[in-house]
Amino acid sequence: ELKRLIEQKEKYVLIDVREEEELVHGAVPTSRHLPLGELDKAFNLSEDEFYKKYHFEKFKKEEVIIFYCRTGGRSARATALVLSKGYTNAKNFSGSIWEWSTIDPQVHRYYH
């Protein structure tokens, strides 16, 4: 489903909640980085502060927001947190980068 969203350029926000040092192994195209440990605090930032810190627009409650990490645990926690804050279209890419690596040769070499 995520691959289809990316290919068809549908509207969504894809958030990578891994730590900075994990990003060297690749990322899912179109994703933005916001580590899980910073997610709760990020909600308290103004839109301008959020943009200055993360270099992308703060997501809106009605947007489709998809979280991923390495294997799905942290992204599940991120999804639960965002849903508890009233974001109704938050989703977890449960296979995360591990699953993505089965279709992306650049990422595959680090995980298999």
C-alpha atoms as a PDB file:
ATOM      1  CA  GLU A   1       0.000   0.000   0.000  1.00  0.00           C
ATOM      2  CA  LEU A   2       2.815   2.424   0.855  1.00  0.00           C
ATOM      3  CA  LYS A   3       4.555   1.735  -2.435  1.00  0.00           C
ATOM      4  CA  ARG A   4       1.298   2.526  -4.245  1.00  0.00           C
ATOM      5  CA  LEU A   5       0.910   5.820  -2.327  1.00  0.00           C
ATOM      6  CA  ILE A   6       4.442   6.836  -3.264  1.00  0.00           C
ATOM      7  CA  GLU A   7       4.099   5.854  -6.918  1.00  0.00           C
ATOM      8  CA  GLN A   8       0.716   7.545  -7.334  1.00  0.00           C
ATOM      9  CA  LYS A   9       1.892  10.629  -5.447  1.00  0.00           C
ATOM     10  CA  GLU A  10      -1.091  10.572  -3.142  1.00  0.00           C
ATOM     11  CA  LYS A  11      -1.273  12.948  -0.208  1.00  0.00           C
ATOM     12  CA  TYR A  12       0.258  11.583   2.996  1.00  0.00           C
ATOM     13  CA  VAL A  13       3.023  12.347   5.469  1.00  0.00           C
ATOM     14  CA  LEU A  14       5.577   9.571   6.015  1.00  0.00           C
ATOM     15  CA  ILE A  15       7.546   9.860   9.257  1.00  0.00           C
ATOM     16  CA  ASP A  16      10.696   7.886  10.065  1.00  0.00           C
ATOM     17  CA  VAL A  17      10.926   7.650  13.876  1.00  0.00           C
ATOM     18  CA  ARG A  18      14.341   5.947  13.979  1.00  0.00           C
ATOM     19  CA  GLU A  19      17.348   7.585  15.615  1.00  0.00           C
ATOM     20  CA  GLU A  20      19.673   9.782  13.548  1.00  0.00           C
ATOM     21  CA  GLU A  21      22.461   7.196  13.414  1.00  0.00           C
ATOM     22  CA  GLU A  22      20.092   4.617  11.878  1.00  0.00           C
ATOM     23  CA  LEU A  23      19.460   6.780   8.821  1.00  0.00           C
ATOM     24  CA  VAL A  24      22.814   5.883   7.264  1.00  0.00           C
ATOM     25  CA  HIS A  25      21.264   2.560   6.247  1.00  0.00           C
ATOM     26  CA  GLY A  26      18.715   4.218   3.987  1.00  0.00           C
ATOM     27  CA  ALA A  27      15.152   5.436   4.212  1.00  0.00           C
ATOM     28  CA  VAL A  28      11.832   5.042   2.475  1.00  0.00           C
ATOM     29  CA  PRO A  29      11.449   7.623  -0.322  1.00  0.00           C
ATOM     30  CA  THR A  30       9.427  10.724   0.604  1.00  0.00           C
ATOM     31  CA  SER A  31       9.918  10.164   4.345  1.00  0.00           C
ATOM     32  CA  ARG A  32      10.672  12.845   6.895  1.00  0.00           C
ATOM     33  CA  HIS A  33      12.703  12.239  10.035  1.00  0.00           C
ATOM     34  CA  LEU A  34      11.328  12.857  13.520  1.00  0.00           C
ATOM     35  CA  PRO A  35      12.785  10.541  16.190  1.00  0.00           C
ATOM     36  CA  LEU A  36      10.279   8.825  18.464  1.00  0.00           C
ATOM     37  CA  GLY A  37      11.887  10.377  21.541  1.00  0.00           C
ATOM     38  CA  GLU A  38      11.115  13.863  20.217  1.00  0.00           C
ATOM     39  CA  LEU A  39       7.618  13.210  18.897  1.00  0.00           C
ATOM     40  CA  ASP A  40       5.640  14.180  22.008  1.00  0.00           C
ATOM     41  CA  LYS A  41       7.594  17.445  22.444  1.00  0.00           C
ATOM     42  CA  ALA A  42       7.180  18.249  18.747  1.00  0.00           C
ATOM     43  CA  PHE A  43       3.431  18.648  19.282  1.00  0.00           C
ATOM     44  CA  ASN A  44       4.093  21.562  21.633  1.00  0.00           C
ATOM     45  CA  LEU A  45       6.079  23.504  19.052  1.00  0.00           C
ATOM     46  CA  SER A  46       4.485  26.250  17.017  1.00  0.00           C
ATOM     47  CA  GLU A  47       4.330  25.638  13.282  1.00  0.00           C
ATOM     48  CA  ASP A  48       7.332  27.948  12.773  1.00  0.00           C
ATOM     49  CA  GLU A  49       9.396  26.276  15.517  1.00  0.00           C
ATOM     50  CA  PHE A  50       8.504  22.834  14.171  1.00  0.00           C
ATOM     51  CA  TYR A  51       9.606  23.806  10.654  1.00  0.00           C
ATOM     52  CA  LYS A  52      12.882  25.322  11.886  1.00  0.00           C
ATOM     53  CA  LYS A  53      13.724  22.170  13.851  1.00  0.00           C
ATOM     54  CA  TYR A  54      12.549  19.436  11.444  1.00  0.00           C
ATOM     55  CA  HIS A  55      12.595  21.196   8.043  1.00  0.00           C
ATOM     56  CA  PHE A  56       9.078  20.146   7.058  1.00  0.00           C
ATOM     57  CA  GLU A  57       5.609  21.415   7.869  1.00  0.00           C
ATOM     58  CA  LYS A  58       3.906  20.286  11.051  1.00  0.00           C
ATOM     59  CA  PHE A  59       1.288  17.723  10.106  1.00  0.00           C
ATOM     60  CA  LYS A  60      -2.407  18.443  10.437  1.00  0.00           C
ATOM     61  CA  LYS A  61      -4.918  16.347  12.369  1.00  0.00           C
ATOM     62  CA  GLU A  62      -6.815  15.346   9.231  1.00  0.00           C
ATOM     63  CA  GLU A  63      -3.773  14.305   7.166  1.00  0.00           C
ATOM     64  CA  VAL A  64      -2.819  10.696   6.546  1.00  0.00           C
ATOM     65  CA  ILE A  65       0.307  10.201   8.660  1.00  0.00           C
ATOM     66  CA  ILE A  66       2.273   6.972   8.334  1.00  0.00           C
ATOM     67  CA  PHE A  67       5.019   6.067  10.793  1.00  0.00           C
ATOM     68  CA  TYR A  68       7.844   3.586  10.353  1.00  0.00           C
ATOM     69  CA  CYS A  69      11.041   2.539  12.114  1.00  0.00           C
ATOM     70  CA  ARG A  70      13.264  -0.545  11.776  1.00  0.00           C
ATOM     71  CA  THR A  71      10.831  -3.382  12.451  1.00  0.00           C
ATOM     72  CA  GLY A  72       7.580  -1.721  13.543  1.00  0.00           C
ATOM     73  CA  GLY A  73       7.730  -1.441  17.338  1.00  0.00           C
ATOM     74  CA  ARG A  74       8.643   2.223  17.679  1.00  0.00           C
ATOM     75  CA  SER A  75       6.356   3.215  14.823  1.00  0.00           C
ATOM     76  CA  ALA A  76       3.473   1.422  16.589  1.00  0.00           C
ATOM     77  CA  ARG A  77       4.162   3.528  19.697  1.00  0.00           C
ATOM     78  CA  ALA A  78       4.328   6.685  17.569  1.00  0.00           C
ATOM     79  CA  THR A  79       1.008   5.822  15.922  1.00  0.00           C
ATOM     80  CA  ALA A  80      -0.656   5.230  19.310  1.00  0.00           C
ATOM     81  CA  LEU A  81       0.688   8.537  20.625  1.00  0.00           C
ATOM     82  CA  VAL A  82      -0.567  10.494  17.635  1.00  0.00           C
ATOM     83  CA  LEU A  83      -3.975   8.814  17.738  1.00  0.00           C
ATOM     84  CA  SER A  84      -4.242   9.742  21.434  1.00  0.00           C
ATOM     85  CA  LYS A  85      -3.663  13.381  20.425  1.00  0.00           C
ATOM     86  CA  GLY A  86      -6.663  13.328  18.075  1.00  0.00           C
ATOM     87  CA  TYR A  87      -4.955  12.640  14.751  1.00  0.00           C
ATOM     88  CA  THR A  88      -7.532  10.336  13.199  1.00  0.00           C
ATOM     89  CA  ASN A  89      -5.609   9.179  10.109  1.00  0.00           C
ATOM     90  CA  ALA A  90      -2.393   7.956  11.754  1.00  0.00           C
ATOM     91  CA  LYS A  91      -1.120   4.584  10.559  1.00  0.00           C
ATOM     92  CA  ASN A  92       1.753   2.255  11.336  1.00  0.00           C
ATOM     93  CA  PHE A  93       3.798   0.714   8.523  1.00  0.00           C
ATOM     94  CA  SER A  94       4.301  -2.388  10.639  1.00  0.00           C
ATOM     95  CA  GLY A  95       6.901  -3.956   8.341  1.00  0.00           C
ATOM     96  CA  SER A  96       8.858  -0.726   8.461  1.00  0.00           C
ATOM     97  CA  ILE A  97      12.308  -0.379   6.849  1.00  0.00           C
ATOM     98  CA  TRP A  98      12.904  -4.127   7.222  1.00  0.00           C
ATOM     99  CA  GLU A  99       9.975  -4.882   4.893  1.00  0.00           C
ATOM    100  CA  TRP A 100      10.801  -1.953   2.605  1.00  0.00           C
ATOM    101  CA  SER A 101      14.299  -3.403   2.164  1.00  0.00           C
ATOM    102  CA  THR A 102      12.792  -6.405   0.348  1.00  0.00           C
ATOM    103  CA  ILE A 103      11.772  -4.133  -2.542  1.00  0.00           C
ATOM    104  CA  ASP A 104      14.500  -1.470  -2.413  1.00  0.00           C
ATOM    105  CA  PRO A 105      17.964  -2.786  -3.375  1.00  0.00           C
ATOM    106  CA  GLN A 106      19.742   0.254  -1.887  1.00  0.00           C
ATOM    107  CA  VAL A 107      18.261  -0.463   1.546  1.00  0.00           C
ATOM    108  CA  HIS A 108      18.316  -4.260   1.153  1.00  0.00           C
ATOM    109  CA  ARG A 109      22.085  -4.606   1.489  1.00  0.00           C
ATOM    110  CA  TYR A 110      21.992  -3.276   5.066  1.00  0.00           C
ATOM    111  CA  TYR A 111      19.204  -5.470   6.366  1.00  0.00           C
ATOM    112  CA  HIS A 112      19.673  -8.825   4.631  1.00  0.00           C
END
